[in-house]
Amino acid sequence: MTQKTVVIGVTGGIAAYKALDVISSLKKENVNVHVIMTSNAAKFVSPLSFQTLSQNFVITDMFAEPRTIEVEHISLAKKADLFAVIPATANIIGKVACGIADDMLTTTIMATKSPVLFAPAMNTNMYNNPIVKENILKLKKIGYDFIEPDSGRLACGDIGIGKLADTNKITDIINMYLYSPKDFLGKNVLVTAGPTREDIDPVRFITNKSSGKMGYALARALRDRGANVTLISGPSNLEPPERINFIKVYSAEDMFNQVMEHFDENEIIIKSAAVADYSPENVSSIKIKKSDNDLSIKLKRNRDILYELGRRKKNQILVGFAAETNDMIQNAQEKIKKKNLDMIVANDVTVKGSGFQCDTNTVKIIKSNGDIVSLPNMTKYEAAHKILDNIIDLER
């Protein structure tokens, strides 16, 4: 992918130092970063810190001696694939909303045609001030984007909304903007992820080893490629990607109901969840006490979500997953036919670095026409994009 350029504007707030974390993360992903600081920002953090991390000269003075023959604010405005203001004070938001361009930062924002992203950080009373709210709304209406601040204890001691959003969240949204191609733009895609839990009693349940990492990676990759993503997830410790429709469920029955509710509105369905095939026929309302005898639990068959989707589908693309321990290709091919799938992603969970709990995966993509695509071991996010490449091929 061609190297992208992000211009980061830093304004005079106590959270200015947190922009360094974002720059560090972007540099690790080979993003070219330029920094413009307001004079107030330079009183909080030294420009040298930003210059060291970005590996580019930091601009703080509109009338400083230029280091190149380029007109700097126009040059940076044209270079930018994205402009991000971190943190964005009430002052910078108000100036941009009113069309004021009286320093290098506001002048460059006015000159850029790239998307502009604000990450506000300020006192909670300032953030809730009707004037600030009106300025934010005005900018949103004309296409500027905002990352909602977090709530908590602020530097001034007040408690409420106004903390700069987590820097991982900010970096994630920046990467979403930078990713290309946007070949799923406007497509509605449903992804399921994680395990399900089937209660035995109030303290015990049946589950499996799924972490949800593959499904969450797919949701993130789809979002990055422009899709409107609905992620239905069983219990997981993972943070869902930003800017998707996230639905949390518990049991196989919950998963079934939510998938069926959202099925018709989605044109692509990717079923990566590890849904329990069986659940206890009777769930005890009180904790089952240990005794000297063996315990038998009668299980009933859960409804097969993927089979039902295959039966109902019309023009949708339906993709399944097969986590196997033996006869992987044969089992996956049988699943394609039985459940009317367009494609299945199979992996051998006994292979090191593949399957449950891992950050990597080694998969084979098997299509309904018999084609098999073998992928080497790679991160689940990388594998997600390979899977999406093959879904795009199905549509051609």
Protein backbone atom coordinates (compact mmCIF):
# COMPACT_ATOMS: atom_id res chain seq x y z
CA MET A 1 0.00 0.00 0.00
CA THR A 2 1.31 3.49 -0.90
CA GLN A 3 2.66 5.41 2.08
CA LYS A 4 0.04 7.72 3.53
CA THR A 5 0.53 11.18 5.02
CA VAL A 6 -1.22 12.46 8.12
CA VAL A 7 -0.95 16.04 9.34
CA ILE A 8 -1.55 16.25 13.08
CA GLY A 9 -2.53 19.56 14.61
CA VAL A 10 -1.74 19.91 18.31
CA THR A 11 -3.50 22.61 20.33
CA GLY A 12 -3.01 24.04 23.81
CA GLY A 13 -4.55 21.54 26.19
CA ILE A 14 -3.12 19.38 28.95
CA ALA A 15 -3.79 16.33 26.75
CA ALA A 16 -1.30 17.58 24.15
CA TYR A 17 1.27 15.02 25.28
CA LYS A 18 -1.06 12.18 24.32
CA ALA A 19 -0.71 13.10 20.65
CA LEU A 20 2.83 11.70 20.93
CA ASP A 21 1.36 8.21 21.44
CA VAL A 22 -0.70 8.53 18.27
CA ILE A 23 2.32 9.70 16.26
CA SER A 24 4.43 6.82 17.60
CA SER A 25 1.78 4.28 16.60
CA LEU A 26 1.38 5.75 13.12
CA LYS A 27 5.13 5.78 12.50
CA LYS A 28 5.30 2.09 13.39
CA GLU A 29 2.82 1.51 10.55
CA ASN A 30 4.97 3.49 8.08
CA VAL A 31 2.71 6.55 8.01
CA ASN A 32 4.36 9.85 7.11
CA VAL A 33 3.45 12.30 9.90
CA HIS A 34 3.75 16.08 9.89
CA VAL A 35 2.94 18.16 12.97
CA ILE A 36 1.63 21.70 13.31
CA MET A 37 1.52 23.08 16.85
CA THR A 38 -0.18 26.21 18.10
CA SER A 39 1.88 28.55 20.26
CA ASN A 40 -0.14 27.46 23.30
CA ALA A 41 0.50 23.78 22.55
CA ALA A 42 4.25 24.44 22.58
CA LYS A 43 3.91 25.65 26.18
CA PHE A 44 2.63 22.20 27.22
CA VAL A 45 4.98 19.96 25.22
CA SER A 46 8.26 20.78 23.51
CA PRO A 47 8.11 20.79 19.69
CA LEU A 48 11.35 18.80 19.80
CA SER A 49 9.43 15.78 21.18
CA PHE A 50 7.07 15.84 18.20
CA GLN A 51 9.91 16.43 15.77
CA THR A 52 11.84 13.46 17.15
CA LEU A 53 8.91 11.07 16.85
CA SER A 54 7.53 12.32 13.53
CA GLN A 55 10.99 12.65 11.96
CA ASN A 56 9.78 15.82 10.27
CA PHE A 57 10.24 19.48 11.16
CA VAL A 58 7.45 20.77 13.41
CA ILE A 59 5.76 24.02 12.44
CA THR A 60 4.86 26.38 15.28
CA ASP A 61 5.13 29.86 13.75
CA MET A 62 3.34 30.97 10.63
CA PHE A 63 5.97 33.61 9.94
CA ALA A 64 9.10 31.62 10.81
CA GLU A 65 11.83 31.38 8.19
CA PRO A 66 10.64 28.58 5.83
CA ARG A 67 12.85 25.49 5.55
CA THR A 68 11.85 24.83 1.92
CA ILE A 69 10.81 26.92 -1.04
CA GLU A 70 7.24 25.53 -0.71
CA VAL A 71 4.44 27.61 0.78
CA GLU A 72 4.19 25.46 3.89
CA HIS A 73 0.49 25.66 4.74
CA ILE A 74 -0.49 24.95 1.12
CA SER A 75 2.12 22.23 0.75
CA LEU A 76 0.98 20.36 3.88
CA ALA A 77 -2.66 20.86 2.95
CA LYS A 78 -2.03 19.12 -0.38
CA LYS A 79 0.14 16.34 1.06
CA ALA A 80 -2.37 15.28 3.68
CA ASP A 81 -4.44 12.14 3.23
CA LEU A 82 -5.96 13.01 6.59
CA PHE A 83 -5.81 15.97 8.95
CA ALA A 84 -6.26 15.16 12.66
CA VAL A 85 -6.42 17.70 15.48
CA ILE A 86 -5.29 16.05 18.73
CA PRO A 87 -6.35 17.43 21.17
CA ALA A 88 -8.93 19.83 19.78
CA THR A 89 -9.72 22.66 22.19
CA ALA A 90 -12.93 24.70 22.24
CA ASN A 91 -10.86 27.52 20.74
CA ILE A 92 -9.73 25.65 17.60
CA ILE A 93 -13.22 24.20 17.05
CA GLY A 94 -14.74 27.68 17.32
CA LYS A 95 -12.19 29.28 15.00
CA VAL A 96 -12.62 26.66 12.26
CA ALA A 97 -16.42 26.79 12.60
CA CYS A 98 -16.30 30.56 12.06
CA GLY A 99 -13.80 30.41 9.19
CA ILE A 100 -11.01 32.12 11.11
CA ALA A 101 -7.53 31.39 9.75
CA ASP A 102 -5.07 33.39 11.83
CA ASP A 103 -2.24 30.91 12.45
CA MET A 104 -0.53 28.04 10.63
CA LEU A 105 -2.90 25.38 11.97
CA THR A 106 -6.20 27.07 11.09
CA THR A 107 -4.80 28.28 7.75
CA THR A 108 -3.75 24.76 6.75
CA ILE A 109 -7.09 23.29 7.81
CA MET A 110 -8.86 25.85 5.62
CA ALA A 111 -6.62 24.97 2.66
CA THR A 112 -6.84 21.18 2.84
CA LYS A 113 -9.24 19.03 0.82
CA SER A 114 -8.47 15.95 2.91
CA PRO A 115 -10.86 14.68 5.60
CA VAL A 116 -10.44 16.56 8.90
CA LEU A 117 -10.82 14.72 12.20
CA PHE A 118 -11.15 16.46 15.58
CA ALA A 119 -10.46 14.72 18.90
CA PRO A 120 -11.83 17.19 21.47
CA ALA A 121 -10.46 17.47 25.00
CA MET A 122 -11.57 20.14 27.46
CA ASN A 123 -13.35 20.81 30.74
CA THR A 124 -16.74 19.12 30.89
CA ASN A 125 -18.60 22.44 31.29
CA MET A 126 -16.83 23.80 28.24
CA TYR A 127 -17.65 20.71 26.20
CA ASN A 128 -21.32 20.95 27.21
CA ASN A 129 -21.48 24.69 26.53
CA PRO A 130 -24.21 25.35 23.94
CA ILE A 131 -21.81 27.44 21.85
CA VAL A 132 -19.27 24.60 21.63
CA LYS A 133 -22.06 22.11 20.87
CA GLU A 134 -23.37 24.36 18.11
CA ASN A 135 -19.89 24.74 16.61
CA ILE A 136 -19.36 20.95 16.62
CA LEU A 137 -22.75 20.39 15.01
CA LYS A 138 -22.01 23.02 12.37
CA LEU A 139 -18.72 21.37 11.46
CA LYS A 140 -20.27 17.89 11.37
CA LYS A 141 -22.94 19.10 8.96
CA ILE A 142 -20.31 20.23 6.46
CA GLY A 143 -18.30 17.02 6.67
CA TYR A 144 -15.81 17.42 9.52
CA ASP A 145 -15.50 14.36 11.75
CA PHE A 146 -15.29 14.11 15.54
CA ILE A 147 -14.14 11.46 17.99
CA GLU A 148 -16.30 11.67 21.10
CA PRO A 149 -14.25 12.37 24.25
CA ASP A 150 -14.29 9.98 27.18
CA SER A 151 -15.77 10.56 30.62
CA GLY A 152 -13.85 10.48 33.88
CA ARG A 153 -11.76 12.61 36.19
CA LEU A 154 -10.37 15.63 34.36
CA ALA A 155 -7.09 17.45 35.00
CA CYS A 156 -8.95 20.26 36.78
CA GLY A 157 -10.50 17.76 39.20
CA ASP A 158 -14.00 17.83 37.69
CA ILE A 159 -15.64 14.55 36.75
CA GLY A 160 -17.51 14.21 33.48
CA ILE A 161 -17.13 14.07 29.73
CA GLY A 162 -14.17 15.87 28.21
CA LYS A 163 -11.15 13.54 28.46
CA LEU A 164 -9.32 12.94 25.22
CA ALA A 165 -10.49 9.66 23.73
CA ASP A 166 -8.16 6.71 24.23
CA THR A 167 -5.20 7.07 21.87
CA ASN A 168 -5.67 3.50 20.60
CA LYS A 169 -9.19 4.47 19.56
CA ILE A 170 -7.92 7.60 17.82
CA THR A 171 -5.22 5.63 15.99
CA ASP A 172 -7.76 2.99 14.97
CA ILE A 173 -10.06 5.60 13.41
CA ILE A 174 -7.13 7.29 11.63
CA ASN A 175 -6.11 3.92 10.17
CA MET A 176 -9.70 3.40 9.03
CA TYR A 177 -9.49 6.61 7.01
CA LEU A 178 -6.10 5.70 5.55
CA TYR A 179 -6.91 2.17 4.39
CA SER A 180 -7.48 1.59 0.70
CA PRO A 181 -9.10 0.26 -1.39
CA LYS A 182 -12.61 1.04 -0.15
CA ASP A 183 -14.02 -1.81 -2.23
CA PHE A 184 -16.77 -2.66 0.26
CA LEU A 185 -18.01 0.94 0.40
CA GLY A 186 -21.70 1.06 1.17
CA LYS A 187 -22.11 -2.72 1.46
CA ASN A 188 -24.04 -4.02 4.47
CA VAL A 189 -22.15 -6.93 6.02
CA LEU A 190 -23.04 -9.08 9.02
CA VAL A 191 -20.28 -10.82 10.98
CA THR A 192 -20.66 -13.18 13.91
CA ALA A 193 -17.82 -13.82 16.35
CA GLY A 194 -16.80 -15.41 19.61
CA PRO A 195 -18.19 -18.34 21.56
CA THR A 196 -21.62 -18.82 23.03
CA ARG A 197 -22.44 -19.96 26.56
CA GLU A 198 -25.10 -22.47 27.49
CA ASP A 199 -26.07 -22.33 31.16
CA ILE A 200 -26.14 -25.42 33.34
CA ASP A 201 -27.05 -23.57 36.51
CA PRO A 202 -26.51 -19.98 37.79
CA VAL A 203 -22.72 -20.47 38.09
CA ARG A 204 -21.77 -23.02 35.42
CA PHE A 205 -22.05 -23.12 31.66
CA ILE A 206 -20.87 -24.98 28.55
CA THR A 207 -18.68 -23.04 26.14
CA ASN A 208 -15.64 -23.40 23.87
CA LYS A 209 -12.18 -21.90 23.39
CA SER A 210 -13.09 -19.23 20.86
CA SER A 211 -11.76 -15.74 21.71
CA GLY A 212 -13.56 -13.92 18.89
CA LYS A 213 -10.29 -12.57 17.45
CA MET A 214 -10.94 -13.73 13.89
CA GLY A 215 -14.44 -12.30 13.76
CA TYR A 216 -13.39 -8.99 15.30
CA ALA A 217 -10.52 -8.78 12.79
CA LEU A 218 -13.00 -9.34 9.96
CA ALA A 219 -15.29 -6.62 11.32
CA ARG A 220 -12.38 -4.18 11.52
CA ALA A 221 -11.11 -5.05 8.01
CA LEU A 222 -14.60 -4.64 6.56
CA ARG A 223 -15.02 -1.27 8.26
CA ASP A 224 -11.62 -0.16 6.95
CA ARG A 225 -12.70 -1.10 3.43
CA GLY A 226 -15.87 0.98 3.70
CA ALA A 227 -18.54 -1.54 4.69
CA ASN A 228 -21.46 -0.89 7.02
CA VAL A 229 -20.69 -3.60 9.57
CA THR A 230 -22.92 -5.33 12.09
CA LEU A 231 -20.92 -7.49 14.49
CA ILE A 232 -22.88 -9.97 16.60
CA SER A 233 -20.58 -11.35 19.26
CA GLY A 234 -20.81 -13.90 22.00
CA PRO A 235 -18.97 -13.30 25.30
CA SER A 236 -15.49 -11.94 24.58
CA ASN A 237 -12.86 -9.82 26.33
CA LEU A 238 -12.09 -7.96 23.10
CA GLU A 239 -12.97 -4.32 22.47
CA PRO A 240 -15.14 -4.10 19.35
CA PRO A 241 -13.84 -1.93 16.50
CA GLU A 242 -14.99 1.66 16.44
CA ARG A 243 -17.79 2.79 14.16
CA ILE A 244 -19.64 -0.46 13.66
CA ASN A 245 -23.01 -1.70 14.85
CA PHE A 246 -22.10 -3.96 17.77
CA ILE A 247 -24.56 -6.44 19.26
CA LYS A 248 -23.57 -8.55 22.25
CA VAL A 249 -25.27 -11.91 22.82
CA TYR A 250 -24.85 -14.76 25.28
CA SER A 251 -26.28 -18.09 24.14
CA ALA A 252 -26.74 -19.92 20.84
CA GLU A 253 -30.43 -19.04 20.98
CA ASP A 254 -29.59 -15.36 21.43
CA MET A 255 -27.22 -15.56 18.47
CA PHE A 256 -29.86 -17.28 16.33
CA ASN A 257 -32.47 -14.62 17.08
CA GLN A 258 -30.18 -11.67 16.39
CA VAL A 259 -28.77 -13.12 13.18
CA MET A 260 -32.24 -13.83 11.82
CA GLU A 261 -33.41 -10.35 12.77
CA HIS A 262 -30.59 -8.71 10.80
CA PHE A 263 -30.27 -11.23 7.96
CA ASP A 264 -32.45 -9.56 5.32
CA GLU A 265 -30.76 -6.14 5.62
CA ASN A 266 -27.28 -7.50 4.88
CA GLU A 267 -25.91 -8.58 1.50
CA ILE A 268 -22.93 -10.49 2.89
CA ILE A 269 -22.99 -12.71 5.97
CA ILE A 270 -19.77 -14.08 7.49
CA LYS A 271 -20.40 -16.64 10.22
CA SER A 272 -17.13 -16.92 12.14
CA ALA A 273 -18.68 -17.47 15.59
CA ALA A 274 -18.13 -20.79 17.35
CA VAL A 275 -21.74 -21.48 18.27
CA ALA A 276 -22.54 -24.29 20.68
CA ASP A 277 -24.18 -27.26 18.93
CA TYR A 278 -25.82 -28.46 22.14
CA SER A 279 -27.23 -26.97 25.34
CA PRO A 280 -28.61 -28.48 28.57
CA GLU A 281 -32.17 -29.64 28.21
CA ASN A 282 -32.95 -28.42 31.72
CA VAL A 283 -31.22 -25.47 33.39
CA SER A 284 -31.21 -25.56 37.16
CA SER A 285 -32.41 -22.36 38.86
CA ILE A 286 -30.09 -23.03 41.79
CA LYS A 287 -26.48 -24.18 41.97
CA ILE A 288 -26.16 -27.93 41.51
CA LYS A 289 -24.40 -29.22 44.62
CA LYS A 290 -21.61 -31.75 44.45
CA SER A 291 -22.53 -35.27 45.55
CA ASP A 292 -20.83 -38.66 45.77
CA ASN A 293 -22.53 -39.76 42.56
CA ASP A 294 -21.64 -39.06 38.92
CA LEU A 295 -23.57 -36.28 37.25
CA SER A 296 -25.27 -36.65 33.89
CA ILE A 297 -26.53 -33.65 31.94
CA LYS A 298 -28.93 -34.29 29.10
CA LEU A 299 -28.18 -32.09 26.10
CA LYS A 300 -30.51 -30.95 23.35
CA ARG A 301 -29.57 -29.95 19.82
CA ASN A 302 -29.45 -26.20 19.22
CA ARG A 303 -30.88 -24.71 16.05
CA ASP A 304 -28.30 -24.59 13.27
CA ILE A 305 -27.88 -20.92 12.35
CA LEU A 306 -25.76 -21.47 9.26
CA TYR A 307 -28.06 -24.14 7.87
CA GLU A 308 -31.07 -21.88 8.37
CA LEU A 309 -29.30 -18.99 6.64
CA GLY A 310 -28.41 -21.23 3.70
CA ARG A 311 -32.04 -22.28 3.46
CA ARG A 312 -33.32 -18.69 3.55
CA LYS A 313 -30.72 -16.87 1.48
CA LYS A 314 -31.68 -15.26 -1.81
CA ASN A 315 -29.01 -13.07 -3.35
CA GLN A 316 -26.78 -12.84 -0.30
CA ILE A 317 -23.23 -14.16 -0.14
CA LEU A 318 -22.92 -16.60 2.73
CA VAL A 319 -19.51 -17.45 4.19
CA GLY A 320 -18.97 -20.08 6.87
CA PHE A 321 -16.05 -21.15 9.04
CA ALA A 322 -14.87 -24.66 9.85
CA ALA A 323 -12.55 -25.21 12.80
CA GLU A 324 -11.41 -28.80 12.38
CA THR A 325 -9.03 -31.29 14.00
CA ASN A 326 -9.07 -33.89 11.21
CA ASP A 327 -10.19 -34.33 7.58
CA MET A 328 -10.37 -30.54 7.31
CA ILE A 329 -10.97 -30.14 3.57
CA GLN A 330 -13.43 -33.00 3.32
CA ASN A 331 -15.45 -31.77 6.31
CA ALA A 332 -15.43 -28.22 5.00
CA GLN A 333 -16.58 -29.27 1.52
CA GLU A 334 -19.45 -31.27 3.02
CA LYS A 335 -20.43 -28.23 5.07
CA ILE A 336 -20.53 -26.05 1.93
CA LYS A 337 -23.02 -28.40 0.26
CA LYS A 338 -25.14 -29.11 3.32
CA LYS A 339 -25.51 -25.47 4.32
CA ASN A 340 -25.66 -23.88 0.85
CA LEU A 341 -22.55 -21.73 1.34
CA ASP A 342 -20.71 -19.67 -1.23
CA MET A 343 -17.42 -20.05 0.58
CA ILE A 344 -15.95 -21.53 3.73
CA VAL A 345 -12.80 -20.67 5.68
CA ALA A 346 -11.25 -23.78 7.21
CA ASN A 347 -8.42 -24.16 9.68
CA ASP A 348 -6.87 -26.97 11.68
CA VAL A 349 -7.00 -25.83 15.29
CA THR A 350 -4.37 -28.41 16.31
CA VAL A 351 -1.71 -26.57 14.26
CA LYS A 352 0.48 -24.18 16.24
CA GLY A 353 -0.33 -20.54 15.54
CA SER A 354 -3.73 -21.36 14.10
CA GLY A 355 -7.18 -21.25 15.63
CA PHE A 356 -8.53 -20.37 19.05
CA GLN A 357 -6.87 -17.71 21.23
CA CYS A 358 -4.06 -17.08 18.70
CA ASP A 359 -3.26 -13.73 17.11
CA THR A 360 -2.35 -15.55 13.89
CA ASN A 361 -4.14 -18.04 11.67
CA THR A 362 -3.40 -20.51 8.87
CA VAL A 363 -6.47 -21.07 6.72
CA LYS A 364 -7.71 -22.57 3.51
CA ILE A 365 -10.46 -20.75 1.63
CA ILE A 366 -12.73 -23.23 -0.13
CA LYS A 367 -15.31 -21.99 -2.62
CA SER A 368 -18.52 -23.63 -3.75
CA ASN A 369 -17.05 -24.11 -7.25
CA GLY A 370 -14.31 -26.29 -5.75
CA ASP A 371 -11.48 -23.75 -5.83
CA ILE A 372 -9.15 -23.88 -2.83
CA VAL A 373 -6.92 -20.98 -1.79
CA SER A 374 -4.24 -21.86 0.77
CA LEU A 375 -2.92 -19.02 2.93
CA PRO A 376 0.32 -19.10 4.93
CA ASN A 377 0.38 -18.22 8.62
CA MET A 378 -0.36 -14.53 9.12
CA THR A 379 -2.05 -12.21 11.58
CA LYS A 380 -5.80 -12.54 11.77
CA TYR A 381 -6.23 -8.98 10.47
CA GLU A 382 -4.09 -9.86 7.44
CA ALA A 383 -6.04 -13.09 6.98
CA ALA A 384 -9.28 -11.12 7.22
CA HIS A 385 -8.26 -8.99 4.24
CA LYS A 386 -7.35 -12.09 2.22
CA ILE A 387 -10.77 -13.52 3.00
CA LEU A 388 -12.40 -10.27 1.89
CA ASP A 389 -10.36 -10.28 -1.34
CA ASN A 390 -11.88 -13.68 -2.13
CA ILE A 391 -15.39 -12.49 -1.30
CA ILE A 392 -14.90 -9.64 -3.78
CA ASP A 393 -13.87 -12.25 -6.37
CA LEU A 394 -17.18 -14.07 -5.79
CA GLU A 395 -19.06 -10.92 -6.79
CA ARG A 396 -17.23 -10.49 -10.10
